[in-house]
Amino acid sequence: MTIPSPPPTAAQPQSASSQAITALVLGILGIVCCQICAPIAWYMANNERKAIREGRAPAAGEGIALVGYILGIIGTILLALWLVWIFFFGGMAILTALGQHR
């Protein structure tokens, strides 16, 4: 009498890497309140997507990294627009105030 072998166990589902999750969180923060986080999210998500393509990171994080990448781009654009707004209109306000002061 042979002992039957146990049935094969289901493979554990992979979870997203911590870098993909961090990129997503920074991307959300970059959109909502802290735009300086957006370029960091863009960079981290880009590196994570590259690592996934090369097989160095779990493929389960691809969607999360993609969302972090997109949010990072949008947040970076918002940051650039905000800086232009501050520089241009802030500078104009200072020049106007100096011109009226004389």
PDB file of N, CA and C in Angstrom:
ATOM      1  N   MET A   1       0.841  -1.167   0.000  1.00  0.00           N
ATOM      2  CA  MET A   1       0.000   0.000   0.000  1.00  0.00           C
ATOM      3  C   MET A   1       0.892   1.237   0.000  1.00  0.00           C
ATOM      4  N   THR A   2       0.624   2.064  -0.959  1.00  0.00           N
ATOM      5  CA  THR A   2       1.391   3.298  -1.054  1.00  0.00           C
ATOM      6  C   THR A   2       0.598   4.437  -0.448  1.00  0.00           C
ATOM      7  N   ILE A   3       1.314   5.325   0.108  1.00  0.00           N
ATOM      8  CA  ILE A   3       0.675   6.499   0.707  1.00  0.00           C
ATOM      9  C   ILE A   3       0.507   7.544  -0.387  1.00  0.00           C
ATOM     10  N   PRO A   4      -0.732   8.019  -0.551  1.00  0.00           N
ATOM     11  CA  PRO A   4      -0.927   9.023  -1.604  1.00  0.00           C
ATOM     12  C   PRO A   4      -0.219  10.329  -1.230  1.00  0.00           C
ATOM     13  N   SER A   5       0.323  10.941  -2.244  1.00  0.00           N
ATOM     14  CA  SER A   5       1.007  12.203  -1.990  1.00  0.00           C
ATOM     15  C   SER A   5      -0.038  13.298  -1.765  1.00  0.00           C
ATOM     16  N   PRO A   6       0.316  14.278  -0.962  1.00  0.00           N
ATOM     17  CA  PRO A   6      -0.657  15.352  -0.707  1.00  0.00           C
ATOM     18  C   PRO A   6      -0.914  16.146  -1.988  1.00  0.00           C
ATOM     19  N   PRO A   7      -2.105  16.689  -2.101  1.00  0.00           N
ATOM     20  CA  PRO A   7      -2.395  17.468  -3.310  1.00  0.00           C
ATOM     21  C   PRO A   7      -1.503  18.704  -3.360  1.00  0.00           C
ATOM     22  N   PRO A   8      -1.177  19.138  -4.564  1.00  0.00           N
ATOM     23  CA  PRO A   8      -0.322  20.327  -4.654  1.00  0.00           C
ATOM     24  C   PRO A   8      -1.037  21.534  -4.063  1.00  0.00           C
ATOM     25  N   THR A   9      -0.265  22.310  -3.352  1.00  0.00           N
ATOM     26  CA  THR A   9      -0.849  23.511  -2.744  1.00  0.00           C
ATOM     27  C   THR A   9      -0.875  24.637  -3.772  1.00  0.00           C
ATOM     28  N   ALA A  10      -1.827  25.480  -3.606  1.00  0.00           N
ATOM     29  CA  ALA A  10      -1.931  26.629  -4.508  1.00  0.00           C
ATOM     30  C   ALA A  10      -0.774  27.578  -4.223  1.00  0.00           C
ATOM     31  N   ALA A  11      -0.248  28.148  -5.262  1.00  0.00           N
ATOM     32  CA  ALA A  11       0.852  29.096  -5.102  1.00  0.00           C
ATOM     33  C   ALA A  11       0.347  30.342  -4.387  1.00  0.00           C
ATOM     34  N   GLN A  12       1.175  30.833  -3.512  1.00  0.00           N
ATOM     35  CA  GLN A  12       0.810  32.052  -2.797  1.00  0.00           C
ATOM     36  C   GLN A  12       0.765  33.212  -3.793  1.00  0.00           C
ATOM     37  N   PRO A  13      -0.293  34.009  -3.744  1.00  0.00           N
ATOM     38  CA  PRO A  13      -0.348  35.147  -4.664  1.00  0.00           C
ATOM     39  C   PRO A  13       0.751  36.156  -4.304  1.00  0.00           C
ATOM     40  N   GLN A  14       1.353  36.679  -5.328  1.00  0.00           N
ATOM     41  CA  GLN A  14       2.390  37.676  -5.102  1.00  0.00           C
ATOM     42  C   GLN A  14       1.745  38.990  -4.699  1.00  0.00           C
ATOM     43  N   SER A  15       2.452  39.719  -3.893  1.00  0.00           N
ATOM     44  CA  SER A  15       1.976  41.051  -3.533  1.00  0.00           C
ATOM     45  C   SER A  15       2.915  42.076  -4.141  1.00  0.00           C
ATOM     46  N   ALA A  16       2.416  43.280  -4.237  1.00  0.00           N
ATOM     47  CA  ALA A  16       3.209  44.361  -4.818  1.00  0.00           C
ATOM     48  C   ALA A  16       4.387  44.679  -3.905  1.00  0.00           C
ATOM     49  N   SER A  17       5.450  45.139  -4.489  1.00  0.00           N
ATOM     50  CA  SER A  17       6.624  45.491  -3.694  1.00  0.00           C
ATOM     51  C   SER A  17       6.360  46.778  -2.914  1.00  0.00           C
ATOM     52  N   SER A  18       7.159  46.975  -1.906  1.00  0.00           N
ATOM     53  CA  SER A  18       6.999  48.181  -1.088  1.00  0.00           C
ATOM     54  C   SER A  18       7.326  49.434  -1.891  1.00  0.00           C
ATOM     55  N   GLN A  19       8.214  49.323  -2.891  1.00  0.00           N
ATOM     56  CA  GLN A  19       8.551  50.498  -3.693  1.00  0.00           C
ATOM     57  C   GLN A  19       7.361  50.918  -4.557  1.00  0.00           C
ATOM     58  N   ALA A  20       6.598  49.964  -5.083  1.00  0.00           N
ATOM     59  CA  ALA A  20       5.416  50.309  -5.879  1.00  0.00           C
ATOM     60  C   ALA A  20       4.367  50.989  -5.002  1.00  0.00           C
ATOM     61  N   ILE A  21       4.184  50.477  -3.806  1.00  0.00           N
ATOM     62  CA  ILE A  21       3.206  51.067  -2.890  1.00  0.00           C
ATOM     63  C   ILE A  21       3.656  52.458  -2.457  1.00  0.00           C
ATOM     64  N   THR A  22       4.941  52.616  -2.186  1.00  0.00           N
ATOM     65  CA  THR A  22       5.470  53.927  -1.807  1.00  0.00           C
ATOM     66  C   THR A  22       5.286  54.939  -2.928  1.00  0.00           C
ATOM     67  N   ALA A  23       5.526  54.511  -4.167  1.00  0.00           N
ATOM     68  CA  ALA A  23       5.335  55.405  -5.314  1.00  0.00           C
ATOM     69  C   ALA A  23       3.876  55.827  -5.427  1.00  0.00           C
ATOM     70  N   LEU A  24       2.960  54.900  -5.176  1.00  0.00           N
ATOM     71  CA  LEU A  24       1.537  55.233  -5.223  1.00  0.00           C
ATOM     72  C   LEU A  24       1.176  56.246  -4.143  1.00  0.00           C
ATOM     73  N   VAL A  25       1.642  56.020  -2.930  1.00  0.00           N
ATOM     74  CA  VAL A  25       1.340  56.938  -1.830  1.00  0.00           C
ATOM     75  C   VAL A  25       1.928  58.318  -2.098  1.00  0.00           C
ATOM     76  N   LEU A  26       3.161  58.367  -2.579  1.00  0.00           N
ATOM     77  CA  LEU A  26       3.772  59.659  -2.893  1.00  0.00           C
ATOM     78  C   LEU A  26       3.053  60.344  -4.048  1.00  0.00           C
ATOM     79  N   GLY A  27       2.579  59.562  -5.025  1.00  0.00           N
ATOM     80  CA  GLY A  27       1.814  60.141  -6.123  1.00  0.00           C
ATOM     81  C   GLY A  27       0.518  60.761  -5.650  1.00  0.00           C
ATOM     82  N   ILE A  28      -0.164  60.084  -4.734  1.00  0.00           N
ATOM     83  CA  ILE A  28      -1.408  60.635  -4.173  1.00  0.00           C
ATOM     84  C   ILE A  28      -1.106  61.906  -3.388  1.00  0.00           C
ATOM     85  N   LEU A  29      -0.061  61.874  -2.563  1.00  0.00           N
ATOM     86  CA  LEU A  29       0.318  63.071  -1.813  1.00  0.00           C
ATOM     87  C   LEU A  29       0.718  64.205  -2.742  1.00  0.00           C
ATOM     88  N   GLY A  30       1.369  63.860  -3.843  1.00  0.00           N
ATOM     89  CA  GLY A  30       1.780  64.867  -4.811  1.00  0.00           C
ATOM     90  C   GLY A  30       0.615  65.556  -5.486  1.00  0.00           C
ATOM     91  N   ILE A  31      -0.497  64.862  -5.618  1.00  0.00           N
ATOM     92  CA  ILE A  31      -1.697  65.464  -6.211  1.00  0.00           C
ATOM     93  C   ILE A  31      -2.480  66.253  -5.163  1.00  0.00           C
ATOM     94  N   VAL A  32      -2.604  65.680  -3.976  1.00  0.00           N
ATOM     95  CA  VAL A  32      -3.511  66.233  -2.968  1.00  0.00           C
ATOM     96  C   VAL A  32      -2.922  67.415  -2.212  1.00  0.00           C
ATOM     97  N   CYS A  33      -1.710  67.254  -1.671  1.00  0.00           N
ATOM     98  CA  CYS A  33      -1.267  68.306  -0.756  1.00  0.00           C
ATOM     99  C   CYS A  33       0.202  68.698  -0.870  1.00  0.00           C
ATOM    100  N   CYS A  34       1.051  67.818  -1.260  1.00  0.00           N
ATOM    101  CA  CYS A  34       2.491  68.093  -1.192  1.00  0.00           C
ATOM    102  C   CYS A  34       3.114  67.810  -2.553  1.00  0.00           C
ATOM    103  N   GLN A  35       3.088  68.797  -3.423  1.00  0.00           N
ATOM    104  CA  GLN A  35       3.509  68.583  -4.804  1.00  0.00           C
ATOM    105  C   GLN A  35       4.975  68.189  -4.942  1.00  0.00           C
ATOM    106  N   ILE A  36       5.793  68.459  -3.962  1.00  0.00           N
ATOM    107  CA  ILE A  36       7.197  68.087  -4.056  1.00  0.00           C
ATOM    108  C   ILE A  36       7.370  66.569  -4.038  1.00  0.00           C
ATOM    109  N   CYS A  37       6.362  65.838  -3.575  1.00  0.00           N
ATOM    110  CA  CYS A  37       6.417  64.374  -3.572  1.00  0.00           C
ATOM    111  C   CYS A  37       6.206  63.792  -4.969  1.00  0.00           C
ATOM    112  N   ALA A  38       5.592  64.544  -5.861  1.00  0.00           N
ATOM    113  CA  ALA A  38       5.233  64.022  -7.175  1.00  0.00           C
ATOM    114  C   ALA A  38       6.442  63.611  -8.023  1.00  0.00           C
ATOM    115  N   PRO A  39       7.481  64.439  -8.148  1.00  0.00           N
ATOM    116  CA  PRO A  39       8.627  63.976  -8.941  1.00  0.00           C
ATOM    117  C   PRO A  39       9.298  62.740  -8.349  1.00  0.00           C
ATOM    118  N   ILE A  40       9.277  62.622  -7.022  1.00  0.00           N
ATOM    119  CA  ILE A  40       9.849  61.452  -6.361  1.00  0.00           C
ATOM    120  C   ILE A  40       9.026  60.220  -6.709  1.00  0.00           C
ATOM    121  N   ALA A  41       7.699  60.367  -6.693  1.00  0.00           N
ATOM    122  CA  ALA A  41       6.815  59.257  -7.068  1.00  0.00           C
ATOM    123  C   ALA A  41       7.044  58.846  -8.516  1.00  0.00           C
ATOM    124  N   TRP A  42       7.182  59.818  -9.388  1.00  0.00           N
ATOM    125  CA  TRP A  42       7.425  59.547 -10.809  1.00  0.00           C
ATOM    126  C   TRP A  42       8.712  58.733 -10.977  1.00  0.00           C
ATOM    127  N   TYR A  43       9.766  59.167 -10.301  1.00  0.00           N
ATOM    128  CA  TYR A  43      11.059  58.494 -10.384  1.00  0.00           C
ATOM    129  C   TYR A  43      10.981  57.067  -9.827  1.00  0.00           C
ATOM    130  N   MET A  44      10.400  56.935  -8.637  1.00  0.00           N
ATOM    131  CA  MET A  44      10.319  55.618  -8.002  1.00  0.00           C
ATOM    132  C   MET A  44       9.462  54.656  -8.822  1.00  0.00           C
ATOM    133  N   ALA A  45       8.334  55.135  -9.324  1.00  0.00           N
ATOM    134  CA  ALA A  45       7.452  54.273 -10.115  1.00  0.00           C
ATOM    135  C   ALA A  45       8.116  53.865 -11.422  1.00  0.00           C
ATOM    136  N   ASN A  46       8.857  54.773 -12.027  1.00  0.00           N
ATOM    137  CA  ASN A  46       9.564  54.440 -13.258  1.00  0.00           C
ATOM    138  C   ASN A  46      10.605  53.346 -13.001  1.00  0.00           C
ATOM    139  N   ASN A  47      11.349  53.469 -11.910  1.00  0.00           N
ATOM    140  CA  ASN A  47      12.328  52.441 -11.553  1.00  0.00           C
ATOM    141  C   ASN A  47      11.654  51.109 -11.248  1.00  0.00           C
ATOM    142  N   GLU A  48      10.516  51.156 -10.582  1.00  0.00           N
ATOM    143  CA  GLU A  48       9.801  49.924 -10.238  1.00  0.00           C
ATOM    144  C   GLU A  48       9.255  49.243 -11.490  1.00  0.00           C
ATOM    145  N   ARG A  49       8.711  50.011 -12.405  1.00  0.00           N
ATOM    146  CA  ARG A  49       8.203  49.434 -13.654  1.00  0.00           C
ATOM    147  C   ARG A  49       9.335  48.790 -14.444  1.00  0.00           C
ATOM    148  N   LYS A  50      10.512  49.415 -14.425  1.00  0.00           N
ATOM    149  CA  LYS A  50      11.678  48.843 -15.099  1.00  0.00           C
ATOM    150  C   LYS A  50      12.089  47.536 -14.423  1.00  0.00           C
ATOM    151  N   ALA A  51      12.065  47.513 -13.096  1.00  0.00           N
ATOM    152  CA  ALA A  51      12.422  46.304 -12.352  1.00  0.00           C
ATOM    153  C   ALA A  51      11.426  45.180 -12.627  1.00  0.00           C
ATOM    154  N   ILE A  52      10.158  45.508 -12.769  1.00  0.00           N
ATOM    155  CA  ILE A  52       9.149  44.493 -13.072  1.00  0.00           C
ATOM    156  C   ILE A  52       9.394  43.913 -14.461  1.00  0.00           C
ATOM    157  N   ARG A  53       9.678  44.785 -15.431  1.00  0.00           N
ATOM    158  CA  ARG A  53       9.950  44.297 -16.796  1.00  0.00           C
ATOM    159  C   ARG A  53      11.181  43.398 -16.834  1.00  0.00           C
ATOM    160  N   GLU A  54      12.177  43.695 -16.007  1.00  0.00           N
ATOM    161  CA  GLU A  54      13.403  42.907 -15.973  1.00  0.00           C
ATOM    162  C   GLU A  54      13.295  41.683 -15.068  1.00  0.00           C
ATOM    163  N   GLY A  55      12.174  41.526 -14.370  1.00  0.00           N
ATOM    164  CA  GLY A  55      11.968  40.365 -13.516  1.00  0.00           C
ATOM    165  C   GLY A  55      12.568  40.481 -12.132  1.00  0.00           C
ATOM    166  N   ARG A  56      13.002  41.654 -11.735  1.00  0.00           N
ATOM    167  CA  ARG A  56      13.598  41.844 -10.407  1.00  0.00           C
ATOM    168  C   ARG A  56      12.571  42.199  -9.344  1.00  0.00           C
ATOM    169  N   ALA A  57      11.343  42.481  -9.745  1.00  0.00           N
ATOM    170  CA  ALA A  57      10.279  42.840  -8.795  1.00  0.00           C
ATOM    171  C   ALA A  57       9.030  42.044  -9.167  1.00  0.00           C
ATOM    172  N   PRO A  58       8.152  41.806  -8.200  1.00  0.00           N
ATOM    173  CA  PRO A  58       6.943  41.024  -8.496  1.00  0.00           C
ATOM    174  C   PRO A  58       6.027  41.739  -9.487  1.00  0.00           C
ATOM    175  N   ALA A  59       5.494  40.962 -10.402  1.00  0.00           N
ATOM    176  CA  ALA A  59       4.618  41.518 -11.440  1.00  0.00           C
ATOM    177  C   ALA A  59       3.304  42.027 -10.870  1.00  0.00           C
ATOM    178  N   ALA A  60       2.954  41.628  -9.655  1.00  0.00           N
ATOM    179  CA  ALA A  60       1.701  42.075  -9.053  1.00  0.00           C
ATOM    180  C   ALA A  60       1.688  43.574  -8.802  1.00  0.00           C
ATOM    181  N   GLY A  61       2.846  44.211  -8.771  1.00  0.00           N
ATOM    182  CA  GLY A  61       2.921  45.643  -8.513  1.00  0.00           C
ATOM    183  C   GLY A  61       2.849  46.497  -9.763  1.00  0.00           C
ATOM    184  N   GLU A  62       2.665  45.890 -10.931  1.00  0.00           N
ATOM    185  CA  GLU A  62       2.670  46.649 -12.187  1.00  0.00           C
ATOM    186  C   GLU A  62       1.573  47.711 -12.208  1.00  0.00           C
ATOM    187  N   GLY A  63       0.359  47.349 -11.836  1.00  0.00           N
ATOM    188  CA  GLY A  63      -0.747  48.312 -11.855  1.00  0.00           C
ATOM    189  C   GLY A  63      -0.543  49.436 -10.855  1.00  0.00           C
ATOM    190  N   ILE A  64      -0.082  49.073  -9.675  1.00  0.00           N
ATOM    191  CA  ILE A  64       0.156  50.081  -8.637  1.00  0.00           C
ATOM    192  C   ILE A  64       1.269  51.028  -9.067  1.00  0.00           C
ATOM    193  N   ALA A  65       2.322  50.465  -9.644  1.00  0.00           N
ATOM    194  CA  ALA A  65       3.434  51.297 -10.111  1.00  0.00           C
ATOM    195  C   ALA A  65       2.985  52.210 -11.255  1.00  0.00           C
ATOM    196  N   LEU A  66       2.125  51.698 -12.124  1.00  0.00           N
ATOM    197  CA  LEU A  66       1.625  52.518 -13.234  1.00  0.00           C
ATOM    198  C   LEU A  66       0.800  53.692 -12.723  1.00  0.00           C
ATOM    199  N   VAL A  67      -0.048  53.444 -11.736  1.00  0.00           N
ATOM    200  CA  VAL A  67      -0.851  54.533 -11.162  1.00  0.00           C
ATOM    201  C   VAL A  67       0.058  55.552 -10.477  1.00  0.00           C
ATOM    202  N   GLY A  68       1.063  55.089  -9.737  1.00  0.00           N
ATOM    203  CA  GLY A  68       2.020  55.995  -9.109  1.00  0.00           C
ATOM    204  C   GLY A  68       2.777  56.806 -10.144  1.00  0.00           C
ATOM    205  N   TYR A  69       3.113  56.170 -11.263  1.00  0.00           N
ATOM    206  CA  TYR A  69       3.811  56.845 -12.363  1.00  0.00           C
ATOM    207  C   TYR A  69       2.952  57.964 -12.944  1.00  0.00           C
ATOM    208  N   ILE A  70       1.691  57.658 -13.227  1.00  0.00           N
ATOM    209  CA  ILE A  70       0.776  58.651 -13.815  1.00  0.00           C
ATOM    210  C   ILE A  70       0.515  59.792 -12.829  1.00  0.00           C
ATOM    211  N   LEU A  71       0.253  59.446 -11.572  1.00  0.00           N
ATOM    212  CA  LEU A  71       0.025  60.493 -10.571  1.00  0.00           C
ATOM    213  C   LEU A  71       1.278  61.341 -10.375  1.00  0.00           C
ATOM    214  N   GLY A  72       2.450  60.723 -10.455  1.00  0.00           N
ATOM    215  CA  GLY A  72       3.693  61.471 -10.346  1.00  0.00           C
ATOM    216  C   GLY A  72       3.861  62.471 -11.477  1.00  0.00           C
ATOM    217  N   ILE A  73       3.502  62.062 -12.695  1.00  0.00           N
ATOM    218  CA  ILE A  73       3.578  62.979 -13.836  1.00  0.00           C
ATOM    219  C   ILE A  73       2.603  64.135 -13.659  1.00  0.00           C
ATOM    220  N   ILE A  74       1.365  63.817 -13.308  1.00  0.00           N
ATOM    221  CA  ILE A  74       0.353  64.870 -13.133  1.00  0.00           C
ATOM    222  C   ILE A  74       0.761  65.822 -12.013  1.00  0.00           C
ATOM    223  N   GLY A  75       1.217  65.270 -10.888  1.00  0.00           N
ATOM    224  CA  GLY A  75       1.656  66.108  -9.776  1.00  0.00           C
ATOM    225  C   GLY A  75       2.854  66.970 -10.120  1.00  0.00           C
ATOM    226  N   THR A  76       3.769  66.446 -10.934  1.00  0.00           N
ATOM    227  CA  THR A  76       4.930  67.224 -11.352  1.00  0.00           C
ATOM    228  C   THR A  76       4.501  68.376 -12.252  1.00  0.00           C
ATOM    229  N   ILE A  77       3.546  68.127 -13.125  1.00  0.00           N
ATOM    230  CA  ILE A  77       3.019  69.207 -13.975  1.00  0.00           C
ATOM    231  C   ILE A  77       2.356  70.274 -13.111  1.00  0.00           C
ATOM    232  N   LEU A  78       1.583  69.845 -12.113  1.00  0.00           N
ATOM    233  CA  LEU A  78       0.954  70.809 -11.204  1.00  0.00           C
ATOM    234  C   LEU A  78       2.012  71.603 -10.440  1.00  0.00           C
ATOM    235  N   LEU A  79       3.079  70.936 -10.021  1.00  0.00           N
ATOM    236  CA  LEU A  79       4.170  71.617  -9.324  1.00  0.00           C
ATOM    237  C   LEU A  79       4.821  72.659 -10.229  1.00  0.00           C
ATOM    238  N   ALA A  80       5.066  72.290 -11.479  1.00  0.00           N
ATOM    239  CA  ALA A  80       5.684  73.237 -12.408  1.00  0.00           C
ATOM    240  C   ALA A  80       4.769  74.439 -12.651  1.00  0.00           C
ATOM    241  N   LEU A  81       3.478  74.181 -12.830  1.00  0.00           N
ATOM    242  CA  LEU A  81       2.534  75.291 -13.025  1.00  0.00           C
ATOM    243  C   LEU A  81       2.476  76.185 -11.794  1.00  0.00           C
ATOM    244  N   TRP A  82       2.512  75.573 -10.616  1.00  0.00           N
ATOM    245  CA  TRP A  82       2.482  76.333  -9.370  1.00  0.00           C
ATOM    246  C   TRP A  82       3.736  77.211  -9.253  1.00  0.00           C
ATOM    247  N   LEU A  83       4.902  76.639  -9.602  1.00  0.00           N
ATOM    248  CA  LEU A  83       6.139  77.414  -9.530  1.00  0.00           C
ATOM    249  C   LEU A  83       6.140  78.566 -10.527  1.00  0.00           C
ATOM    250  N   VAL A  84       5.634  78.337 -11.727  1.00  0.00           N
ATOM    251  CA  VAL A  84       5.538  79.416 -12.718  1.00  0.00           C
ATOM    252  C   VAL A  84       4.584  80.495 -12.212  1.00  0.00           C
ATOM    253  N   TRP A  85       3.461  80.071 -11.640  1.00  0.00           N
ATOM    254  CA  TRP A  85       2.489  81.015 -11.106  1.00  0.00           C
ATOM    255  C   TRP A  85       3.123  81.886 -10.013  1.00  0.00           C
ATOM    256  N   ILE A  86       3.802  81.242  -9.070  1.00  0.00           N
ATOM    257  CA  ILE A  86       4.441  81.968  -7.972  1.00  0.00           C
ATOM    258  C   ILE A  86       5.544  82.887  -8.500  1.00  0.00           C
ATOM    259  N   PHE A  87       6.374  82.363  -9.389  1.00  0.00           N
ATOM    260  CA  PHE A  87       7.490  83.152  -9.904  1.00  0.00           C
ATOM    261  C   PHE A  87       6.989  84.335 -10.726  1.00  0.00           C
ATOM    262  N   PHE A  88       6.074  84.080 -11.653  1.00  0.00           N
ATOM    263  CA  PHE A  88       5.628  85.143 -12.542  1.00  0.00           C
ATOM    264  C   PHE A  88       4.749  86.160 -11.809  1.00  0.00           C
ATOM    265  N   PHE A  89       3.683  85.679 -11.196  1.00  0.00           N
ATOM    266  CA  PHE A  89       2.760  86.617 -10.554  1.00  0.00           C
ATOM    267  C   PHE A  89       3.300  87.144  -9.233  1.00  0.00           C
ATOM    268  N   GLY A  90       4.078  86.332  -8.532  1.00  0.00           N
ATOM    269  CA  GLY A  90       4.716  86.824  -7.314  1.00  0.00           C
ATOM    270  C   GLY A  90       5.750  87.882  -7.631  1.00  0.00           C
ATOM    271  N   GLY A  91       6.533  87.631  -8.674  1.00  0.00           N
ATOM    272  CA  GLY A  91       7.522  88.618  -9.108  1.00  0.00           C
ATOM    273  C   GLY A  91       6.863  89.884  -9.610  1.00  0.00           C
ATOM    274  N   MET A  92       5.758  89.739 -10.329  1.00  0.00           N
ATOM    275  CA  MET A  92       5.030  90.909 -10.822  1.00  0.00           C
ATOM    276  C   MET A  92       4.448  91.711  -9.654  1.00  0.00           C
ATOM    277  N   ALA A  93       3.974  91.018  -8.635  1.00  0.00           N
ATOM    278  CA  ALA A  93       3.423  91.713  -7.479  1.00  0.00           C
ATOM    279  C   ALA A  93       4.503  92.513  -6.760  1.00  0.00           C
ATOM    280  N   ILE A  94       5.689  91.944  -6.647  1.00  0.00           N
ATOM    281  CA  ILE A  94       6.789  92.650  -5.990  1.00  0.00           C
ATOM    282  C   ILE A  94       7.198  93.872  -6.809  1.00  0.00           C
ATOM    283  N   LEU A  95       7.319  93.691  -8.123  1.00  0.00           N
ATOM    284  CA  LEU A  95       7.691  94.822  -8.980  1.00  0.00           C
ATOM    285  C   LEU A  95       6.629  95.916  -8.943  1.00  0.00           C
ATOM    286  N   THR A  96       5.370  95.518  -8.931  1.00  0.00           N
ATOM    287  CA  THR A  96       4.282  96.492  -8.860  1.00  0.00           C
ATOM    288  C   THR A  96       4.329  97.241  -7.533  1.00  0.00           C
ATOM    289  N   ALA A  97       4.557  96.499  -6.459  1.00  0.00           N
ATOM    290  CA  ALA A  97       4.644  97.139  -5.136  1.00  0.00           C
ATOM    291  C   ALA A  97       5.832  98.088  -5.073  1.00  0.00           C
ATOM    292  N   LEU A  98       6.960  97.714  -5.644  1.00  0.00           N
ATOM    293  CA  LEU A  98       8.113  98.597  -5.646  1.00  0.00           C
ATOM    294  C   LEU A  98       7.865  99.833  -6.513  1.00  0.00           C
ATOM    295  N   GLY A  99       7.177  99.643  -7.620  1.00  0.00           N
ATOM    296  CA  GLY A  99       6.872 100.776  -8.505  1.00  0.00           C
ATOM    297  C   GLY A  99       5.903 101.744  -7.856  1.00  0.00           C
ATOM    298  N   GLN A 100       4.984 101.269  -7.063  1.00  0.00           N
ATOM    299  CA  GLN A 100       4.012 102.143  -6.415  1.00  0.00           C
ATOM    300  C   GLN A 100       4.589 102.792  -5.170  1.00  0.00           C
ATOM    301  N   HIS A 101       5.642 102.244  -4.650  1.00  0.00           N
ATOM    302  CA  HIS A 101       6.242 102.749  -3.431  1.00  0.00           C
ATOM    303  C   HIS A 101       6.972 104.070  -3.676  1.00  0.00           C
ATOM    304  N   ARG A 102       7.441 104.296  -4.875  1.00  0.00           N
ATOM    305  CA  ARG A 102       8.216 105.502  -5.181  1.00  0.00           C
ATOM    306  C   ARG A 102       7.383 106.718  -5.180  1.00  0.00           C
TER     307      ARG A 102
END
